[in-house]
């Protein structure tokens, strides 16, 4: 008897964004092909005339679909049925040998080139953007067509994954589907792209602009779904298979998680444990994103706060690459984030400190693209510290707005996965502005230096709320230092007193006490943006009165010694920027 199950199969490790997959069987002609049924009682999957994005990985056991009805194997089908198939709202995605068809109401609107290979993982994206629907295979456009269809009607629908399960129809997919994400109201990618190398995330937002389906990601349970929908395992035309549904991790245990080299982890929401050893992952992954900045040479002065975003891979060296743009110019804002999402909050307003912004933008770190509105800080601030765990982002201190205390002791926080305004956390031990930055372990947030308490180190427990505590002191006064951390050690670098500093210090985050000498930067300066993976800290940009610099440096966190050259930013506005990574010390 066919069963719907989760499996680990050869090839998973080559696609690190795949955290689990669901196996679908065809058994054509027997009425026992397996599929998933996604209940959509409120019609949230109906796209209307707006943009949408359907994204997943597929692994076809065969590219011969001749045994299926009309030579088609159905991968997705929304709302098909003998009583409602003329309403025009449903859509379907079919495999025909080595091609994909996407269309509505029995019209194969767009058909791809012959790019599918059997026994191979392919990343698939179908998007409507700017009046055109396109199919991307492994990041390359393989089909396009003009599409103004209104995917809306009065009927409630059901999404079937792995079959077109109308009465008497046998169109069953034979293979694996992983990490299916359907977004309504926006397209995820702009043109050709590199398929994600990190686990995908749910995009929160209003009902007409968010992720509406996220499933097939678990290595343990085929019915897990991250947006709140109910999934049911089904046989085709034979009723539920509840009694024979067996979540099965298979017999191949060579692709499971091996814990070594630091084994602390947190599995939250839909995220499941990544594959490979933790020691291998620490050395091989980590993207740093550097948003915003300030370039005093630009004219008019109102354009000096930058909205540019750049990124680099931490384990390499070389120049930074373009990522996209923020929705606002952010100079001296604070950045924090989880392993999937980066947040950028606050900004200095040019040409002089007449106020500060309270904007918060978010980005998806694994992709490239523009920032989107997340919410607001409790108070407009700049020159502020920021840090995060895997679930919570925190901003502390900074320079406030005119008409309120200029030096702020405010601490506020957000839940990273959920868009919305920040909430009061407590107060800092002493006011701190002029770029104290910040870093963290999974439990504790740290910030050091700034002004007027230029040698103070403060900390909070991230998961709680309350006022900050004094940790110890730096060996030197530091305005605008840079900070980065592993989950055990924080390094504080650079700054000015007003003499420009190139020295580096470190603390052990879990203790309290004074900082100790670490080494020297290759170039000193203030407003250095720092972030990290478990092994390496990266320092981008710097300011030496009156010049800005686009240099990038790096250090090995656990080894004392001097920093080394990494490469350059694309812009001279690297000072007063933020920095965040998907592998920083606050992530377990």
Protein backbone atom coordinates (compact mmCIF):
# COMPACT_ATOMS: atom_id res chain seq x y z
CA UNK A 1 0.00 0.00 0.00
CA UNK A 2 1.29 3.48 -0.82
CA UNK A 3 2.23 5.73 2.06
CA UNK A 4 2.96 9.44 2.22
CA UNK A 5 6.23 9.87 4.06
CA UNK A 6 9.24 12.04 4.67
CA UNK A 7 12.56 10.69 3.47
CA UNK A 8 16.23 11.54 3.46
CA UNK A 9 17.73 10.70 0.10
CA UNK A 10 21.04 11.10 -1.67
CA UNK A 11 21.58 14.66 -2.82
CA UNK A 12 20.03 16.50 0.11
CA UNK A 13 23.39 17.71 1.39
CA UNK A 14 24.12 19.39 -1.93
CA UNK A 15 21.14 21.72 -1.37
CA UNK A 16 21.60 23.14 2.12
CA UNK A 17 18.29 25.03 2.04
CA UNK A 18 16.41 21.71 2.00
CA UNK A 19 15.59 20.80 5.60
CA UNK A 20 13.15 18.01 4.78
CA UNK A 21 11.01 16.67 1.95
CA UNK A 22 7.80 14.75 1.35
CA UNK A 23 7.78 11.64 -0.84
CA UNK A 24 4.86 11.32 -3.30
CA UNK A 25 4.02 8.09 -5.12
CA UNK A 26 2.09 7.63 -8.35
CA UNK A 27 0.78 4.03 -8.56
CA UNK A 28 -1.03 5.21 -11.67
CA UNK A 29 -4.23 3.35 -12.46
CA UNK A 30 -4.57 1.90 -8.97
CA UNK A 31 -6.20 4.91 -7.39
CA UNK A 32 -3.59 4.89 -4.62
CA UNK A 33 -1.23 7.72 -5.56
CA UNK A 34 -0.43 9.78 -2.46
CA UNK A 35 -0.88 13.52 -2.14
CA UNK A 36 -1.34 16.29 0.42
CA UNK A 37 -4.53 18.30 0.71
CA UNK A 38 -4.31 21.86 2.10
CA UNK A 39 -7.57 23.23 3.44
CA UNK A 40 -8.18 26.90 2.51
CA UNK A 41 -11.61 27.74 3.97
CA UNK A 42 -11.06 31.51 3.82
CA UNK A 43 -9.72 31.60 0.27
CA UNK A 44 -6.39 33.11 1.35
CA UNK A 45 -4.59 31.41 -1.56
CA UNK A 46 -6.66 33.25 -4.18
CA UNK A 47 -4.23 35.62 -5.93
CA UNK A 48 -6.76 37.96 -7.56
CA UNK A 49 -5.03 40.18 -10.12
CA UNK A 50 -1.99 40.81 -7.93
CA UNK A 51 1.55 39.50 -7.91
CA UNK A 52 2.37 36.07 -6.52
CA UNK A 53 5.27 33.70 -6.06
CA UNK A 54 5.23 29.87 -5.87
CA UNK A 55 8.57 28.37 -4.88
CA UNK A 56 9.81 24.88 -3.98
CA UNK A 57 12.40 22.21 -4.67
CA UNK A 58 11.44 19.07 -6.61
CA UNK A 59 13.12 15.72 -7.18
CA UNK A 60 11.36 13.68 -9.89
CA UNK A 61 12.04 9.97 -9.80
CA UNK A 62 11.22 9.87 -13.50
CA UNK A 63 10.78 12.27 -16.41
CA UNK A 64 8.52 9.79 -18.20
CA UNK A 65 4.93 10.82 -17.42
CA UNK A 66 3.36 8.72 -20.19
CA UNK A 67 1.55 6.50 -17.67
CA UNK A 68 -0.38 9.51 -16.34
CA UNK A 69 -3.61 10.84 -17.81
CA UNK A 70 -2.88 13.22 -20.73
CA UNK A 71 0.83 12.56 -20.08
CA UNK A 72 0.71 14.96 -17.11
CA UNK A 73 1.82 14.57 -13.49
CA UNK A 74 0.25 17.19 -11.22
CA UNK A 75 2.55 18.94 -8.75
CA UNK A 76 0.08 21.59 -7.54
CA UNK A 77 -3.63 21.99 -8.13
CA UNK A 78 -5.78 24.65 -6.46
CA UNK A 79 -9.55 24.13 -6.53
CA UNK A 80 -9.99 21.63 -9.37
CA UNK A 81 -13.19 19.55 -9.24
CA UNK A 82 -16.02 18.34 -11.43
CA UNK A 83 -18.43 20.93 -10.00
CA UNK A 84 -16.24 24.04 -10.05
CA UNK A 85 -13.63 23.65 -12.75
CA UNK A 86 -15.17 26.35 -14.94
CA UNK A 87 -15.06 29.15 -12.38
CA UNK A 88 -11.64 30.39 -13.50
CA UNK A 89 -9.94 30.84 -10.13
CA UNK A 90 -8.05 27.61 -9.87
CA UNK A 91 -4.50 27.14 -11.06
CA UNK A 92 -2.44 24.05 -11.73
CA UNK A 93 1.23 23.17 -12.16
CA UNK A 94 1.95 19.99 -14.11
CA UNK A 95 5.04 18.06 -15.11
CA UNK A 96 5.03 16.69 -18.65
CA UNK A 97 8.20 14.65 -19.09
CA UNK A 98 11.00 17.27 -18.83
CA UNK A 99 8.75 20.37 -18.97
CA UNK A 100 6.51 22.26 -16.56
CA UNK A 101 3.08 23.72 -17.37
CA UNK A 102 1.46 26.44 -15.28
CA UNK A 103 -2.02 27.64 -16.10
CA UNK A 104 -5.62 28.21 -15.04
CA UNK A 105 -8.98 26.69 -15.92
CA UNK A 106 -7.58 23.99 -18.21
CA UNK A 107 -5.50 26.56 -20.14
CA UNK A 108 -1.78 25.71 -20.14
CA UNK A 109 -0.87 29.34 -20.02
CA UNK A 110 2.90 28.99 -19.83
CA UNK A 111 5.12 25.99 -20.63
CA UNK A 112 8.82 25.70 -19.83
CA UNK A 113 11.72 24.44 -21.90
CA UNK A 114 12.97 20.87 -21.45
CA UNK A 115 15.14 21.45 -18.40
CA UNK A 116 14.00 18.87 -15.82
CA UNK A 117 16.25 15.91 -15.10
CA UNK A 118 15.27 12.78 -13.21
CA UNK A 119 16.92 12.01 -9.85
CA UNK A 120 18.06 15.63 -9.53
CA UNK A 121 17.03 18.40 -7.15
CA UNK A 122 15.67 21.43 -9.04
CA UNK A 123 14.65 24.76 -7.51
CA UNK A 124 11.42 25.97 -9.12
CA UNK A 125 9.84 29.43 -8.92
CA UNK A 126 6.65 30.57 -10.69
CA UNK A 127 5.99 34.29 -10.33
CA UNK A 128 3.65 36.93 -11.67
CA UNK A 129 5.24 40.37 -11.65
CA UNK A 130 4.50 43.41 -13.80
CA UNK A 131 1.75 41.63 -15.73
CA UNK A 132 3.90 38.64 -16.71
CA UNK A 133 4.04 35.14 -15.28
CA UNK A 134 7.44 33.46 -15.49
CA UNK A 135 8.84 30.07 -14.61
CA UNK A 136 12.38 29.88 -13.24
CA UNK A 137 14.32 26.62 -13.11
CA UNK A 138 17.37 26.71 -10.81
CA UNK A 139 17.25 30.51 -10.95
CA UNK A 140 17.13 30.77 -14.76
CA UNK A 141 14.02 31.93 -16.60
CA UNK A 142 12.66 29.02 -18.67
CA UNK A 143 9.25 30.44 -19.66
CA UNK A 144 7.24 33.67 -19.68
CA UNK A 145 3.79 34.84 -20.77
CA UNK A 146 1.60 37.93 -20.31
CA UNK A 147 -0.87 37.22 -17.50
CA UNK A 148 -3.64 39.54 -16.28
CA UNK A 149 -5.97 36.76 -15.14
CA UNK A 150 -8.06 37.34 -12.02
CA UNK A 151 -7.59 34.30 -9.77
CA UNK A 152 -10.71 35.09 -7.73
CA UNK A 153 -14.20 33.64 -7.48
CA UNK A 154 -16.88 32.99 -4.89
CA UNK A 155 -15.93 29.41 -4.10
CA UNK A 156 -13.72 28.13 -1.30
CA UNK A 157 -10.87 26.04 -2.59
CA UNK A 158 -8.52 23.22 -1.65
CA UNK A 159 -4.87 22.98 -2.67
CA UNK A 160 -3.64 19.51 -3.63
CA UNK A 161 0.09 18.82 -3.67
CA UNK A 162 1.32 15.82 -5.68
CA UNK A 163 -1.88 15.06 -7.59
CA UNK A 164 -4.89 16.47 -9.42
CA UNK A 165 -7.37 14.64 -7.28
CA UNK A 166 -10.64 15.20 -9.12
CA UNK A 167 -12.94 12.25 -9.57
CA UNK A 168 -11.56 9.77 -12.10
CA UNK A 169 -8.37 11.77 -12.77
CA UNK A 170 -4.96 10.04 -12.48
CA UNK A 171 -2.21 12.67 -12.61
CA UNK A 172 0.13 11.73 -9.78
CA UNK A 173 3.62 13.12 -9.20
CA UNK A 174 6.34 10.53 -8.53
CA UNK A 175 9.14 12.01 -6.46
CA UNK A 176 9.91 14.47 -3.67
CA UNK A 177 8.82 18.03 -2.97
CA UNK A 178 10.61 20.21 -0.42
CA UNK A 179 9.98 23.59 1.20
CA UNK A 180 6.92 24.73 -0.72
CA UNK A 181 6.28 28.45 -0.18
CA UNK A 182 3.39 30.33 -1.80
CA UNK A 183 3.39 34.12 -1.40
CA UNK A 184 0.45 36.33 -2.30
CA UNK A 185 0.81 40.02 -3.15
CA UNK A 186 4.50 40.03 -4.05
CA UNK A 187 7.13 38.33 -6.19
CA UNK A 188 10.18 37.14 -4.26
CA UNK A 189 12.75 37.47 -7.04
CA UNK A 190 13.56 40.21 -9.55
CA UNK A 191 14.93 38.48 -12.66
CA UNK A 192 17.45 35.63 -12.69
CA UNK A 193 18.80 34.64 -9.29
CA UNK A 194 20.95 32.17 -7.42
CA UNK A 195 18.68 29.63 -5.67
CA UNK A 196 18.63 30.10 -1.89
CA UNK A 197 21.32 28.34 0.11
CA UNK A 198 19.62 28.91 3.47
CA UNK A 199 16.29 27.64 4.78
CA UNK A 200 13.38 29.79 3.58
CA UNK A 201 11.14 31.78 5.91
CA UNK A 202 7.51 32.81 6.16
CA UNK A 203 6.90 36.39 5.00
CA UNK A 204 4.49 37.99 7.50
CA UNK A 205 2.25 40.86 6.53
CA UNK A 206 -1.36 41.82 5.83
CA UNK A 207 -3.72 39.25 4.31
CA UNK A 208 -3.14 40.49 0.77
CA UNK A 209 0.68 40.53 0.95
CA UNK A 210 2.24 37.58 2.77
CA UNK A 211 3.13 33.91 2.70
CA UNK A 212 -0.12 31.92 2.50
CA UNK A 213 1.31 28.37 2.34
CA UNK A 214 4.58 27.02 3.76
CA UNK A 215 4.93 23.24 3.95
CA UNK A 216 6.96 20.14 2.95
CA UNK A 217 9.93 21.30 5.02
CA UNK A 218 9.94 18.84 7.90
CA UNK A 219 12.15 15.75 7.96
CA UNK A 220 9.78 14.19 10.52
CA UNK A 221 6.17 15.10 9.70
CA UNK A 222 4.73 15.57 6.21
CA UNK A 223 1.70 17.48 7.57
CA UNK A 224 3.59 20.38 9.17
CA UNK A 225 2.55 23.79 7.82
CA UNK A 226 3.85 27.13 9.11
CA UNK A 227 1.02 29.60 8.32
CA UNK A 228 -1.67 27.83 10.33
CA UNK A 229 -3.36 25.74 7.63
CA UNK A 230 -4.39 22.13 8.06
CA UNK A 231 -2.74 19.50 5.85
CA UNK A 232 -4.18 16.01 5.32
CA UNK A 233 -2.38 13.02 3.74
CA UNK A 234 -4.58 11.45 1.11
CA UNK A 235 -4.76 8.63 -1.46
CA UNK A 236 -6.11 9.60 -4.86
CA UNK A 237 -9.83 8.76 -5.09
CA UNK A 238 -9.71 6.43 -2.10
CA UNK A 239 -10.38 8.54 1.01
CA UNK A 240 -8.00 9.40 3.85
CA UNK A 241 -4.94 7.31 4.58
CA UNK A 242 -4.80 8.25 8.24
CA UNK A 243 -4.45 4.65 9.37
CA UNK A 244 -1.57 3.97 7.02
CA UNK A 245 0.12 7.38 7.07
CA UNK A 246 3.61 6.73 8.43
CA UNK A 247 6.12 9.58 8.84
CA UNK A 248 9.32 7.77 7.90
CA UNK A 249 12.88 9.06 7.93
CA UNK A 250 13.93 6.17 5.74
CA UNK A 251 16.89 3.85 5.99
CA UNK A 252 19.58 6.26 4.80
CA UNK A 253 21.12 7.81 7.92
CA UNK A 254 24.22 9.19 6.21
CA UNK A 255 22.56 12.56 5.57
CA UNK A 256 21.30 13.27 9.07
CA UNK A 257 22.55 15.88 11.52
CA UNK A 258 25.86 15.10 13.20
CA UNK A 259 26.47 17.22 16.30
CA UNK A 260 30.08 18.12 16.89
CA UNK A 261 32.23 21.22 17.22
CA UNK A 262 29.70 23.03 19.46
CA UNK A 263 26.30 21.42 19.68
CA UNK A 264 23.95 24.01 21.14
CA UNK A 265 20.95 24.52 18.89
CA UNK A 266 17.43 25.88 18.84
CA UNK A 267 14.74 24.43 16.58
CA UNK A 268 11.92 26.98 16.35
CA UNK A 269 8.64 27.13 14.47
CA UNK A 270 9.06 25.49 11.04
CA UNK A 271 12.88 25.42 11.17
CA UNK A 272 14.41 21.96 11.43
CA UNK A 273 17.98 20.95 12.12
CA UNK A 274 20.34 21.51 9.17
CA UNK A 275 22.38 18.66 7.75
CA UNK A 276 26.12 18.12 7.97
CA UNK A 277 28.23 18.53 11.07
CA UNK A 278 28.00 21.70 13.14
CA UNK A 279 31.77 22.10 12.82
CA UNK A 280 31.50 21.98 9.02
CA UNK A 281 28.66 24.48 8.96
CA UNK A 282 30.48 26.95 11.19
CA UNK A 283 33.39 27.04 8.77
CA UNK A 284 31.43 27.03 5.54
CA UNK A 285 28.48 29.42 5.89
CA UNK A 286 27.58 32.90 6.88
CA UNK A 287 26.41 35.93 4.90
CA UNK A 288 27.05 39.43 6.19
CA UNK A 289 24.74 42.24 5.09
CA UNK A 290 25.82 45.89 5.43
CA UNK A 291 22.85 48.29 5.14
CA UNK A 292 22.90 52.07 4.96
CA UNK A 293 25.75 54.43 5.79
CA UNK A 294 26.75 58.06 5.45
CA UNK A 295 28.80 59.79 2.77
CA UNK A 296 29.61 63.45 3.62
CA UNK A 297 30.89 64.13 0.09
CA UNK A 298 27.45 63.74 -1.53
CA UNK A 299 25.33 66.69 -2.55
CA UNK A 300 22.68 67.72 -1.68
CA UNK A 301 23.27 67.08 1.98
CA UNK A 302 19.88 65.39 2.30
CA UNK A 303 21.22 62.51 0.19
CA UNK A 304 24.16 61.74 2.49
CA UNK A 305 22.26 59.16 4.55
CA UNK A 306 22.42 56.13 2.28
CA UNK A 307 19.77 53.51 1.46
CA UNK A 308 22.22 51.11 -0.19
CA UNK A 309 22.61 47.49 0.99
CA UNK A 310 25.70 45.37 0.32
CA UNK A 311 26.64 41.83 1.27
CA UNK A 312 29.57 39.42 1.46
CA UNK A 313 30.18 35.78 2.36
CA UNK A 314 32.05 35.78 5.68
CA UNK A 315 34.20 32.69 5.06
CA UNK A 316 35.69 34.20 1.86
CA UNK A 317 37.59 37.40 1.07
CA UNK A 318 36.86 39.95 -1.63
CA UNK A 319 34.81 43.04 -2.32
CA UNK A 320 31.20 43.42 -1.21
CA UNK A 321 28.34 42.94 -3.69
CA UNK A 322 25.11 44.88 -4.26
CA UNK A 323 22.11 43.48 -2.33
CA UNK A 324 19.36 46.07 -2.89
CA UNK A 325 18.03 49.26 -1.29
CA UNK A 326 16.37 50.21 1.99
CA UNK A 327 13.05 52.04 1.94
CA UNK A 328 14.77 54.94 3.77
CA UNK A 329 18.27 56.36 4.13
CA UNK A 330 19.83 54.89 7.28
CA UNK A 331 22.94 56.46 8.78
CA UNK A 332 24.02 55.31 12.25
CA UNK A 333 21.05 52.95 12.46
CA UNK A 334 21.18 49.68 14.36
CA UNK A 335 21.03 46.23 12.69
CA UNK A 336 20.05 42.88 14.15
CA UNK A 337 18.37 39.69 13.00
CA UNK A 338 17.82 35.95 12.97
CA UNK A 339 19.32 33.29 10.70
CA UNK A 340 16.83 34.25 7.99
CA UNK A 341 15.83 37.89 8.49
CA UNK A 342 17.76 41.11 9.02
CA UNK A 343 16.30 44.26 10.62
CA UNK A 344 17.56 47.83 10.27
CA UNK A 345 16.19 50.46 12.67
CA UNK A 346 16.73 54.19 13.19
CA UNK A 347 18.75 56.81 11.33
CA UNK A 348 20.51 60.14 11.67
CA UNK A 349 18.91 62.93 9.63
CA UNK A 350 21.22 65.09 7.47
CA UNK A 351 22.61 67.72 7.41
CA UNK A 352 22.81 68.14 11.18
CA UNK A 353 21.26 66.40 14.16
CA UNK A 354 17.80 67.92 14.01
CA UNK A 355 16.12 64.62 14.75
CA UNK A 356 16.29 60.89 14.16
CA UNK A 357 14.07 58.40 12.35
CA UNK A 358 12.18 55.58 14.04
CA UNK A 359 11.80 53.46 10.88
CA UNK A 360 12.50 49.71 10.88
CA UNK A 361 13.05 47.83 7.60
CA UNK A 362 13.54 44.11 7.12
CA UNK A 363 15.30 41.99 4.51
CA UNK A 364 15.60 38.26 3.82
CA UNK A 365 19.31 37.59 4.24
CA UNK A 366 19.60 34.53 1.96
CA UNK A 367 18.18 36.36 -1.07
CA UNK A 368 18.89 39.78 -2.52
CA UNK A 369 16.31 42.54 -2.81
CA UNK A 370 15.02 45.75 -1.32
CA UNK A 371 14.09 46.39 2.29
CA UNK A 372 10.42 46.41 3.32
CA UNK A 373 8.67 48.20 6.17
CA UNK A 374 8.62 46.23 9.45
CA UNK A 375 7.32 48.82 11.94
CA UNK A 376 8.70 51.59 14.15
CA UNK A 377 11.00 51.97 17.14
CA UNK A 378 9.38 53.36 20.27
CA UNK A 379 11.47 56.51 19.76
CA UNK A 380 13.35 57.94 16.79
CA UNK A 381 17.06 57.38 17.47
CA UNK A 382 20.47 57.19 15.84
CA UNK A 383 23.96 56.18 17.00
CA UNK A 384 22.35 53.29 18.87
CA UNK A 385 23.39 49.77 19.89
CA UNK A 386 21.59 46.71 18.51
CA UNK A 387 21.82 42.95 18.95
CA UNK A 388 19.61 39.87 18.83
CA UNK A 389 18.95 36.25 19.63
CA UNK A 390 17.29 33.94 17.10
CA UNK A 391 13.85 35.30 18.04
CA UNK A 392 14.20 38.82 19.47
CA UNK A 393 15.89 42.00 18.22
CA UNK A 394 16.87 44.79 20.64
CA UNK A 395 17.94 48.44 20.20
CA UNK A 396 19.54 50.34 23.11
CA UNK A 397 20.52 53.96 23.75
CA UNK A 398 21.27 56.41 20.99
CA UNK A 399 20.63 60.03 20.14
CA UNK A 400 16.98 61.02 20.36
CA UNK A 401 14.92 63.69 18.66
CA UNK A 402 14.98 67.42 19.23
CA UNK A 403 12.39 68.23 21.88
CA UNK A 404 13.20 65.08 23.84
CA UNK A 405 16.35 64.12 25.76
CA UNK A 406 19.16 64.19 23.23
CA UNK A 407 21.02 61.28 24.85
CA UNK A 408 18.60 58.38 25.14
CA UNK A 409 18.58 55.54 27.66
CA UNK A 410 15.69 53.78 25.91
CA UNK A 411 15.85 50.01 25.25
CA UNK A 412 13.15 48.50 23.02
CA UNK A 413 12.62 45.16 21.29
CA UNK A 414 10.69 43.32 18.57
CA UNK A 415 9.92 39.70 17.74
CA UNK A 416 11.93 39.21 14.55
CA UNK A 417 9.55 36.83 12.77
CA UNK A 418 6.53 39.12 13.25
CA UNK A 419 6.27 42.57 11.72
CA UNK A 420 5.14 45.34 14.06
CA UNK A 421 6.25 48.20 16.27
CA UNK A 422 8.87 47.87 18.98
CA UNK A 423 7.96 47.43 22.66
CA UNK A 424 9.64 48.97 25.70
CA UNK A 425 12.29 46.69 27.26
CA UNK A 426 13.77 48.88 30.02
CA UNK A 427 16.52 51.46 30.44
CA UNK A 428 20.28 51.35 29.91
CA UNK A 429 22.61 51.54 32.92
CA UNK A 430 23.84 54.86 31.56
CA UNK A 431 22.97 56.86 28.47
CA UNK A 432 25.04 55.75 25.51
CA UNK A 433 25.21 57.27 22.06
CA UNK A 434 27.81 57.90 19.36
CA UNK A 435 27.69 54.41 18.01
CA UNK A 436 28.13 51.97 20.88
CA UNK A 437 27.06 49.14 18.48
CA UNK A 438 26.29 45.81 20.19
CA UNK A 439 26.79 42.04 20.07
CA UNK A 440 25.30 38.99 21.73
CA UNK A 441 25.30 35.38 22.76
CA UNK A 442 22.02 33.43 22.51
CA UNK A 443 21.09 34.64 26.00
CA UNK A 444 22.88 37.94 26.66
CA UNK A 445 23.21 41.23 24.77
CA UNK A 446 26.34 43.39 25.17
CA UNK A 447 27.20 46.97 24.21
CA UNK A 448 30.30 48.97 25.08
CA UNK A 449 31.67 52.48 24.78
CA UNK A 450 29.86 55.40 23.17
CA UNK A 451 29.39 58.67 25.01
CA UNK A 452 29.44 59.97 27.69
CA UNK A 453 30.34 56.67 29.42
CA UNK A 454 33.07 55.90 26.93
CA UNK A 455 34.58 52.93 28.77
CA UNK A 456 31.45 51.29 30.21
CA UNK A 457 30.28 47.80 29.13
CA UNK A 458 26.58 47.02 29.71
CA UNK A 459 24.44 43.90 29.28
CA UNK A 460 20.87 42.60 29.37
CA UNK A 461 19.30 39.14 29.31
CA UNK A 462 17.64 39.09 25.87
CA UNK A 463 14.68 36.82 26.66
CA UNK A 464 13.57 38.95 29.63
CA UNK A 465 12.77 42.64 30.06
CA UNK A 466 14.28 45.09 32.52
CA UNK A 467 17.08 47.58 32.95
CA UNK A 468 20.63 46.97 31.80
CA UNK A 469 23.43 45.98 34.18
CA UNK A 470 27.05 47.09 34.25
CA UNK A 471 29.42 44.39 32.96
CA UNK A 472 32.83 46.03 33.42
CA UNK A 473 35.09 48.51 31.66
CA UNK A 474 37.09 48.85 28.47
CA UNK A 475 40.82 49.49 28.78
CA UNK A 476 40.40 52.68 26.71
CA UNK A 477 37.65 55.21 26.15
CA UNK A 478 35.94 54.47 22.83
CA UNK A 479 33.39 56.57 21.01
CA UNK A 480 31.81 54.76 18.03
CA UNK A 481 33.57 51.38 18.38
CA UNK A 482 32.72 48.27 16.38
CA UNK A 483 31.52 45.04 18.03
CA UNK A 484 31.05 41.43 16.92
CA UNK A 485 30.82 38.08 18.69
CA UNK A 486 30.69 34.34 18.66
CA UNK A 487 28.28 32.80 21.17
CA UNK A 488 30.98 33.02 23.86
CA UNK A 489 33.28 35.97 23.07
CA UNK A 490 32.69 39.60 22.11
CA UNK A 491 35.37 41.74 20.44
CA UNK A 492 35.28 45.57 20.64
CA UNK A 493 37.42 47.44 18.11
CA UNK A 494 38.39 50.91 16.94
CA UNK A 495 36.61 54.14 17.82
CA UNK A 496 38.10 57.48 18.77
CA UNK A 497 38.80 59.52 21.93
CA UNK A 498 39.04 61.90 19.76
CA UNK A 499 42.31 60.26 18.69
CA UNK A 500 41.52 57.49 16.17
CA UNK A 501 42.06 54.01 17.68
CA UNK A 502 43.12 50.78 15.98
CA UNK A 503 43.23 48.62 19.12
CA UNK A 504 40.97 45.60 19.76
CA UNK A 505 39.69 44.21 23.08
CA UNK A 506 37.59 41.20 24.06
CA UNK A 507 35.35 39.90 26.85
CA UNK A 508 33.81 36.52 27.69
CA UNK A 509 30.08 37.20 27.40
CA UNK A 510 28.83 34.77 30.06
CA UNK A 511 30.96 36.39 32.80
CA UNK A 512 31.43 39.96 33.97
CA UNK A 513 34.68 41.90 34.18
CA UNK A 514 36.99 44.24 32.30
CA UNK A 515 38.02 43.81 28.66
CA UNK A 516 41.43 42.43 27.67
CA UNK A 517 43.78 43.18 24.78
CA UNK A 518 43.09 41.23 21.56
CA UNK A 519 45.30 42.85 18.87
CA UNK A 520 45.14 45.67 16.32
CA UNK A 521 43.06 46.55 13.28
CA UNK A 522 44.87 46.97 9.96
CA UNK A 523 43.29 50.46 9.82
CA UNK A 524 41.90 52.38 12.77
CA UNK A 525 38.78 54.49 12.81
CA UNK A 526 35.35 55.05 14.29
CA UNK A 527 31.91 53.86 13.23
CA UNK A 528 33.21 50.43 12.23
CA UNK A 529 30.34 48.01 11.53
CA UNK A 530 30.95 44.53 12.92
CA UNK A 531 29.28 41.15 12.45
CA UNK A 532 30.37 37.52 12.43
CA UNK A 533 29.89 33.80 12.06
CA UNK A 534 31.07 31.36 14.74
CA UNK A 535 34.66 31.56 13.52
CA UNK A 536 35.29 34.98 12.01
CA UNK A 537 34.40 38.61 12.76
CA UNK A 538 34.17 41.03 9.83
CA UNK A 539 34.68 44.79 10.23
CA UNK A 540 33.39 47.06 7.44
CA UNK A 541 33.87 50.78 6.84
CA UNK A 542 35.45 53.38 9.13
CA UNK A 543 35.60 57.11 9.70
CA UNK A 544 38.70 59.22 10.31
CA UNK A 545 37.93 62.92 10.53
CA UNK A 546 37.09 64.17 7.95
CA UNK A 547 37.44 61.14 5.61
CA UNK A 548 35.30 58.02 5.08
CA UNK A 549 36.83 54.68 4.10
CA UNK A 550 35.40 51.56 2.42
CA UNK A 551 37.87 49.02 3.82
CA UNK A 552 36.75 45.61 5.12
CA UNK A 553 38.87 43.69 7.67
CA UNK A 554 38.44 40.39 9.51
CA UNK A 555 39.60 38.60 12.66
CA UNK A 556 39.48 35.01 13.90
CA UNK A 557 37.37 35.35 17.04
CA UNK A 558 38.92 32.64 19.22
CA UNK A 559 42.54 33.50 18.30
CA UNK A 560 44.22 36.64 19.65
CA UNK A 561 46.00 38.65 17.00
CA UNK A 562 45.77 41.45 14.47
CA UNK A 563 43.03 41.86 11.88
CA UNK A 564 43.64 41.14 8.19
CA UNK A 565 42.44 42.75 4.97
CA UNK A 566 39.20 41.30 3.53
CA UNK A 567 38.33 43.60 0.60
CA UNK A 568 36.33 46.78 -0.01
CA UNK A 569 32.76 48.04 0.09
CA UNK A 570 31.30 49.40 -3.15
CA UNK A 571 30.64 52.81 -1.59
CA UNK A 572 32.65 55.21 0.54
CA UNK A 573 29.59 55.50 2.75
CA UNK A 574 30.55 52.45 4.78
CA UNK A 575 30.94 54.40 8.01
CA UNK A 576 27.76 54.86 10.06
CA UNK A 577 26.33 51.71 8.46
CA UNK A 578 24.89 48.70 10.23
CA UNK A 579 25.92 45.07 9.84
CA UNK A 580 24.12 41.78 10.42
CA UNK A 581 24.70 38.14 9.50
CA UNK A 582 22.74 34.90 9.47
CA UNK A 583 25.35 33.22 11.71
CA UNK A 584 26.19 35.83 14.37
CA UNK A 585 26.89 34.97 18.00
CA UNK A 586 23.33 35.48 19.18
CA UNK A 587 22.14 32.47 17.17
CA UNK A 588 22.50 29.14 18.97
